[in-house]
Amino acid sequence: MKKLIYTTVFLLVIFLAVDTAFAQQSQFKVLALYSTNVESDHVDFAMDAIKFYGKMAKAKGFAFDTTSNWADLNDKKLKNYQVVIWLNEFPHNQAQRSAFEKFMGNGGSWLGFHVSGYNDKYTKWPWFVDFLGATFYNNNWPPLPAKMIVDDNTHPVTKSLGKSYVAPINEWYGWKPNPRDNKDIKVLVTLDPANYPLGKKDIIRDGDIPVVWTNTKYKMLYMNMGHGDLIFTSPEQNQMFEDALLWLAGKK
């Protein structure tokens, strides 16, 4: 009887150890970077995004860490994560840029929102221009809601969307060159031309303007949403935000 008890306890310990190891192995880790010394509307978005993805992490069982210290964008830190999110800022020195390039080259995943994709002639980061597949050209002002066209609602990121939806108030960016002209870019969501003219002070009057896309050479996704405290007020769009992170993490 005693031998049977010992055997049962031993098997239970082995089962729990294997189950724990499996749970740890199946969990992915996300690092979200943000800044607090940037435009207030971008800070508001970052705070809302941290709450949104923090809640999702608890529900889905993955690790979600945040930092406002961009020096954490280094090899030692990044090796602990599968997904990096830039919420409202981007690296400004070569050490941070090089670490990110290495992270992506080694199979890491990136999710960038709004101003994280900003680059122009002064940025001087040619690798990122190729990575994003676009350069900032113009914007509308003030921020406004806008109708979106869903280019591909069979993709894991946009599978929950219909053919179109109305996105909450945001400042929308235009791009030149157009990311759609890059053979490696797959556009998932586009600004509907029915929105034009879009803006009052700064007006987008025409053009093909992608809003959500991926560079197929990497596991990455850029989303132009990210200005203000109303971004997470659309259940449809929120589901896309969730699906985007799960896709980047390699989860269904």
Protein backbone atom coordinates (compact mmCIF):
# COMPACT_ATOMS: atom_id res chain seq x y z
CA MET A 1 0.00 0.00 0.00
CA LYS A 2 2.82 2.35 0.97
CA LYS A 3 4.63 1.54 -2.30
CA LEU A 4 1.47 2.37 -4.24
CA ILE A 5 1.15 5.72 -2.47
CA TYR A 6 4.81 6.58 -3.20
CA THR A 7 4.35 5.62 -6.83
CA THR A 8 1.20 7.74 -7.11
CA VAL A 9 2.91 10.75 -5.50
CA PHE A 10 5.94 10.32 -7.77
CA LEU A 11 3.77 10.20 -10.89
CA LEU A 12 1.81 13.25 -9.70
CA VAL A 13 5.04 15.21 -9.19
CA ILE A 14 6.25 14.20 -12.66
CA PHE A 15 2.89 15.19 -14.19
CA LEU A 16 2.92 18.60 -12.49
CA ALA A 17 6.51 19.21 -13.55
CA VAL A 18 5.77 18.34 -17.16
CA ASP A 19 2.58 20.41 -17.12
CA THR A 20 4.43 23.40 -15.65
CA ALA A 21 7.25 23.07 -18.17
CA PHE A 22 4.72 22.91 -21.01
CA ALA A 23 2.92 26.02 -19.72
CA GLN A 24 6.21 27.91 -19.52
CA GLN A 25 7.24 26.73 -22.96
CA SER A 26 3.94 27.69 -24.57
CA GLN A 27 3.92 31.19 -23.07
CA PHE A 28 5.29 34.05 -25.14
CA LYS A 29 6.74 37.31 -23.86
CA VAL A 30 6.02 40.82 -25.10
CA LEU A 31 7.97 43.99 -24.39
CA ALA A 32 6.15 47.28 -25.04
CA LEU A 33 8.23 50.45 -25.22
CA TYR A 34 6.80 53.95 -24.85
CA SER A 35 7.79 57.49 -23.91
CA THR A 36 6.18 59.99 -21.56
CA ASN A 37 7.96 63.11 -22.87
CA VAL A 38 6.22 63.09 -26.25
CA GLU A 39 2.97 64.62 -27.54
CA SER A 40 0.25 64.26 -24.89
CA ASP A 41 -2.15 62.52 -27.29
CA HIS A 42 0.53 59.91 -27.96
CA VAL A 43 1.04 59.41 -24.22
CA ASP A 44 -2.73 58.96 -23.78
CA PHE A 45 -2.71 56.28 -26.45
CA ALA A 46 0.24 54.48 -24.86
CA MET A 47 -1.47 54.37 -21.45
CA ASP A 48 -4.65 52.97 -23.01
CA ALA A 49 -2.66 50.41 -25.01
CA ILE A 50 -0.82 49.24 -21.91
CA LYS A 51 -4.15 48.68 -20.14
CA PHE A 52 -5.60 46.92 -23.19
CA TYR A 53 -2.72 44.53 -23.75
CA GLY A 54 -2.17 44.05 -20.02
CA LYS A 55 -5.75 42.82 -19.67
CA MET A 56 -5.34 40.62 -22.74
CA ALA A 57 -2.14 39.12 -21.31
CA LYS A 58 -3.95 38.04 -18.14
CA ALA A 59 -6.79 36.52 -20.16
CA LYS A 60 -4.56 34.73 -22.68
CA GLY A 61 -1.72 33.74 -20.37
CA PHE A 62 1.30 35.48 -21.85
CA ALA A 63 3.85 37.85 -20.32
CA PHE A 64 3.44 41.55 -21.06
CA ASP A 65 6.18 43.87 -19.83
CA THR A 66 6.48 47.62 -20.39
CA THR A 67 9.32 50.10 -20.23
CA SER A 68 9.82 53.79 -20.90
CA ASN A 69 13.59 53.30 -20.91
CA TRP A 70 14.59 52.93 -24.56
CA ALA A 71 18.06 51.81 -23.46
CA ASP A 72 16.28 48.49 -22.80
CA LEU A 73 16.38 48.06 -26.56
CA ASN A 74 19.60 46.03 -26.27
CA ASP A 75 20.70 42.49 -27.08
CA LYS A 76 20.66 41.26 -23.48
CA LYS A 77 17.13 42.48 -22.81
CA LEU A 78 15.62 41.56 -26.17
CA LYS A 79 16.74 37.93 -26.05
CA ASN A 80 14.04 37.36 -23.40
CA TYR A 81 11.17 38.42 -25.69
CA GLN A 82 9.45 37.18 -28.83
CA VAL A 83 7.49 40.36 -29.61
CA VAL A 84 8.46 44.03 -29.28
CA ILE A 85 5.84 46.80 -29.47
CA TRP A 86 6.60 50.46 -30.07
CA LEU A 87 3.62 52.38 -28.76
CA ASN A 88 4.46 56.05 -29.28
CA GLU A 89 8.13 56.49 -30.05
CA PHE A 90 11.15 54.99 -31.82
CA PRO A 91 14.88 54.56 -31.07
CA HIS A 92 17.07 57.60 -31.55
CA ASN A 93 20.63 56.30 -31.23
CA GLN A 94 22.65 53.77 -33.17
CA ALA A 95 23.03 51.29 -30.30
CA GLN A 96 19.24 50.93 -29.95
CA ARG A 97 18.77 50.78 -33.72
CA SER A 98 21.42 48.09 -34.14
CA ALA A 99 19.93 45.97 -31.35
CA PHE A 100 16.51 46.17 -32.98
CA GLU A 101 17.88 45.29 -36.41
CA LYS A 102 19.59 42.24 -34.90
CA PHE A 103 16.42 41.24 -33.05
CA MET A 104 14.36 41.33 -36.24
CA GLY A 105 17.07 39.62 -38.26
CA ASN A 106 17.06 36.76 -35.76
CA GLY A 107 13.33 36.17 -36.16
CA GLY A 108 11.83 38.55 -33.62
CA SER A 109 8.41 40.15 -34.11
CA TRP A 110 7.47 43.83 -34.11
CA LEU A 111 4.21 45.72 -33.76
CA GLY A 112 4.40 49.45 -34.38
CA PHE A 113 1.66 52.04 -33.85
CA HIS A 114 1.24 55.49 -35.40
CA VAL A 115 4.27 57.71 -34.74
CA SER A 116 6.52 54.67 -34.26
CA GLY A 117 6.58 54.46 -38.05
CA TYR A 118 7.45 58.10 -38.54
CA ASN A 119 10.51 58.67 -40.67
CA ASP A 120 11.54 61.45 -43.03
CA LYS A 121 14.67 62.88 -44.65
CA TYR A 122 16.04 63.85 -41.24
CA THR A 123 15.70 60.39 -39.66
CA LYS A 124 18.72 58.93 -41.47
CA TRP A 125 17.89 55.28 -40.82
CA PRO A 126 17.81 53.63 -44.26
CA TRP A 127 17.35 50.14 -42.80
CA PHE A 128 14.09 51.23 -41.17
CA VAL A 129 12.84 52.88 -44.36
CA ASP A 130 13.29 49.53 -46.13
CA PHE A 131 11.81 47.66 -43.15
CA LEU A 132 8.69 49.84 -43.02
CA GLY A 133 8.50 50.18 -46.79
CA ALA A 134 7.41 53.82 -46.63
CA THR A 135 8.36 57.36 -45.66
CA PHE A 136 6.06 59.89 -43.99
CA TYR A 137 4.58 62.36 -46.46
CA ASN A 138 1.57 64.18 -45.00
CA ASN A 139 -1.22 64.04 -42.43
CA ASN A 140 -4.69 65.34 -41.69
CA TRP A 141 -5.53 67.73 -38.85
CA PRO A 142 -7.47 67.76 -36.62
CA PRO A 143 -7.80 64.04 -35.84
CA LEU A 144 -10.99 62.55 -37.28
CA PRO A 145 -12.77 59.20 -37.52
CA ALA A 146 -12.45 57.60 -40.94
CA LYS A 147 -13.87 54.75 -42.95
CA MET A 148 -11.46 51.90 -43.63
CA ILE A 149 -11.37 49.46 -46.54
CA VAL A 150 -10.24 45.98 -45.48
CA ASP A 151 -8.02 44.76 -48.32
CA ASP A 152 -7.79 41.18 -47.06
CA ASN A 153 -10.14 39.83 -44.41
CA THR A 154 -8.75 36.29 -44.74
CA HIS A 155 -5.45 37.30 -43.12
CA PRO A 156 -5.09 36.32 -39.43
CA VAL A 157 -4.78 40.00 -38.45
CA THR A 158 -7.97 41.17 -40.21
CA LYS A 159 -10.01 37.96 -40.20
CA SER A 160 -12.55 39.40 -37.73
CA LEU A 161 -13.34 42.41 -39.92
CA GLY A 162 -15.83 42.79 -42.72
CA LYS A 163 -15.10 44.54 -46.01
CA SER A 164 -15.03 47.91 -44.25
CA TYR A 165 -15.44 49.60 -40.88
CA VAL A 166 -15.25 53.06 -39.32
CA ALA A 167 -12.14 53.65 -37.22
CA PRO A 168 -12.30 56.02 -34.22
CA ILE A 169 -10.75 59.50 -34.20
CA ASN A 170 -7.11 59.44 -35.24
CA GLU A 171 -4.52 61.51 -37.07
CA TRP A 172 -3.94 59.72 -40.38
CA TYR A 173 -0.58 59.67 -42.14
CA GLY A 174 0.08 59.64 -45.87
CA TRP A 175 3.19 57.99 -47.31
CA LYS A 176 5.62 58.51 -50.16
CA PRO A 177 6.72 56.20 -51.58
CA ASN A 178 3.49 54.30 -51.24
CA PRO A 179 4.18 51.08 -49.29
CA ARG A 180 1.86 49.24 -51.71
CA ASP A 181 4.44 49.81 -54.46
CA ASN A 182 6.97 47.70 -52.55
CA LYS A 183 6.80 44.04 -53.65
CA ASP A 184 7.48 42.85 -50.09
CA ILE A 185 4.63 44.83 -48.53
CA LYS A 186 1.20 43.30 -48.02
CA VAL A 187 -1.44 45.94 -47.28
CA LEU A 188 -4.29 44.80 -45.04
CA VAL A 189 -6.29 48.00 -44.41
CA THR A 190 -6.56 51.19 -46.49
CA LEU A 191 -8.08 54.63 -45.94
CA ASP A 192 -11.30 54.79 -47.96
CA PRO A 193 -11.10 57.55 -50.64
CA ALA A 194 -14.70 58.37 -49.68
CA ASN A 195 -13.18 60.18 -46.66
CA TYR A 196 -11.59 62.87 -48.85
CA PRO A 197 -11.16 65.72 -48.28
CA LEU A 198 -10.04 64.61 -44.81
CA GLY A 199 -9.15 67.37 -42.33
CA LYS A 200 -9.75 71.06 -41.74
CA LYS A 201 -6.37 72.66 -41.06
CA ASP A 202 -4.20 70.03 -42.75
CA ILE A 203 -6.19 68.29 -45.45
CA ILE A 204 -5.60 65.00 -47.24
CA ARG A 205 -7.37 65.49 -50.53
CA ASP A 206 -6.57 62.31 -52.46
CA GLY A 207 -4.26 59.34 -52.76
CA ASP A 208 -4.00 55.66 -51.97
CA ILE A 209 -3.14 55.56 -48.25
CA PRO A 210 -2.45 52.18 -46.58
CA VAL A 211 -3.16 52.12 -42.85
CA VAL A 212 -2.21 48.59 -41.76
CA TRP A 213 0.44 46.49 -43.48
CA THR A 214 3.22 43.93 -43.06
CA ASN A 215 6.62 43.57 -44.68
CA THR A 216 6.69 39.88 -45.65
CA LYS A 217 10.47 39.70 -45.22
CA TYR A 218 9.93 40.04 -41.47
CA LYS A 219 7.41 39.14 -38.77
CA MET A 220 6.19 42.70 -38.43
CA LEU A 221 3.06 44.77 -38.55
CA TYR A 222 2.52 48.52 -38.72
CA MET A 223 -0.76 50.16 -37.71
CA ASN A 224 -1.30 53.89 -38.23
CA MET A 225 -3.77 54.10 -35.33
CA GLY A 226 -2.37 55.63 -32.15
CA HIS A 227 -3.31 59.29 -31.58
CA GLY A 228 -5.48 60.19 -28.59
CA ASP A 229 -7.61 58.43 -25.99
CA LEU A 230 -10.40 57.12 -28.26
CA ILE A 231 -8.49 54.51 -30.25
CA PHE A 232 -9.78 51.60 -28.16
CA THR A 233 -13.47 52.53 -28.42
CA SER A 234 -14.20 50.28 -31.43
CA PRO A 235 -14.86 46.59 -30.64
CA GLU A 236 -14.08 45.69 -34.26
CA GLN A 237 -10.75 47.44 -34.23
CA ASN A 238 -9.92 46.12 -30.76
CA GLN A 239 -10.34 42.58 -32.03
CA MET A 240 -7.89 43.35 -34.83
CA PHE A 241 -5.42 44.64 -32.23
CA GLU A 242 -5.73 41.35 -30.35
CA ASP A 243 -5.47 39.21 -33.46
CA ALA A 244 -2.42 41.18 -34.58
CA LEU A 245 -0.46 40.39 -31.42
CA LEU A 246 -1.42 36.71 -31.46
CA TRP A 247 -0.36 36.43 -35.11
CA LEU A 248 3.00 38.04 -34.41
CA ALA A 249 3.51 35.65 -31.49
CA GLY A 250 2.72 32.70 -33.74
CA LYS A 251 -0.51 31.87 -31.86
CA LYS A 252 -3.94 31.11 -33.26
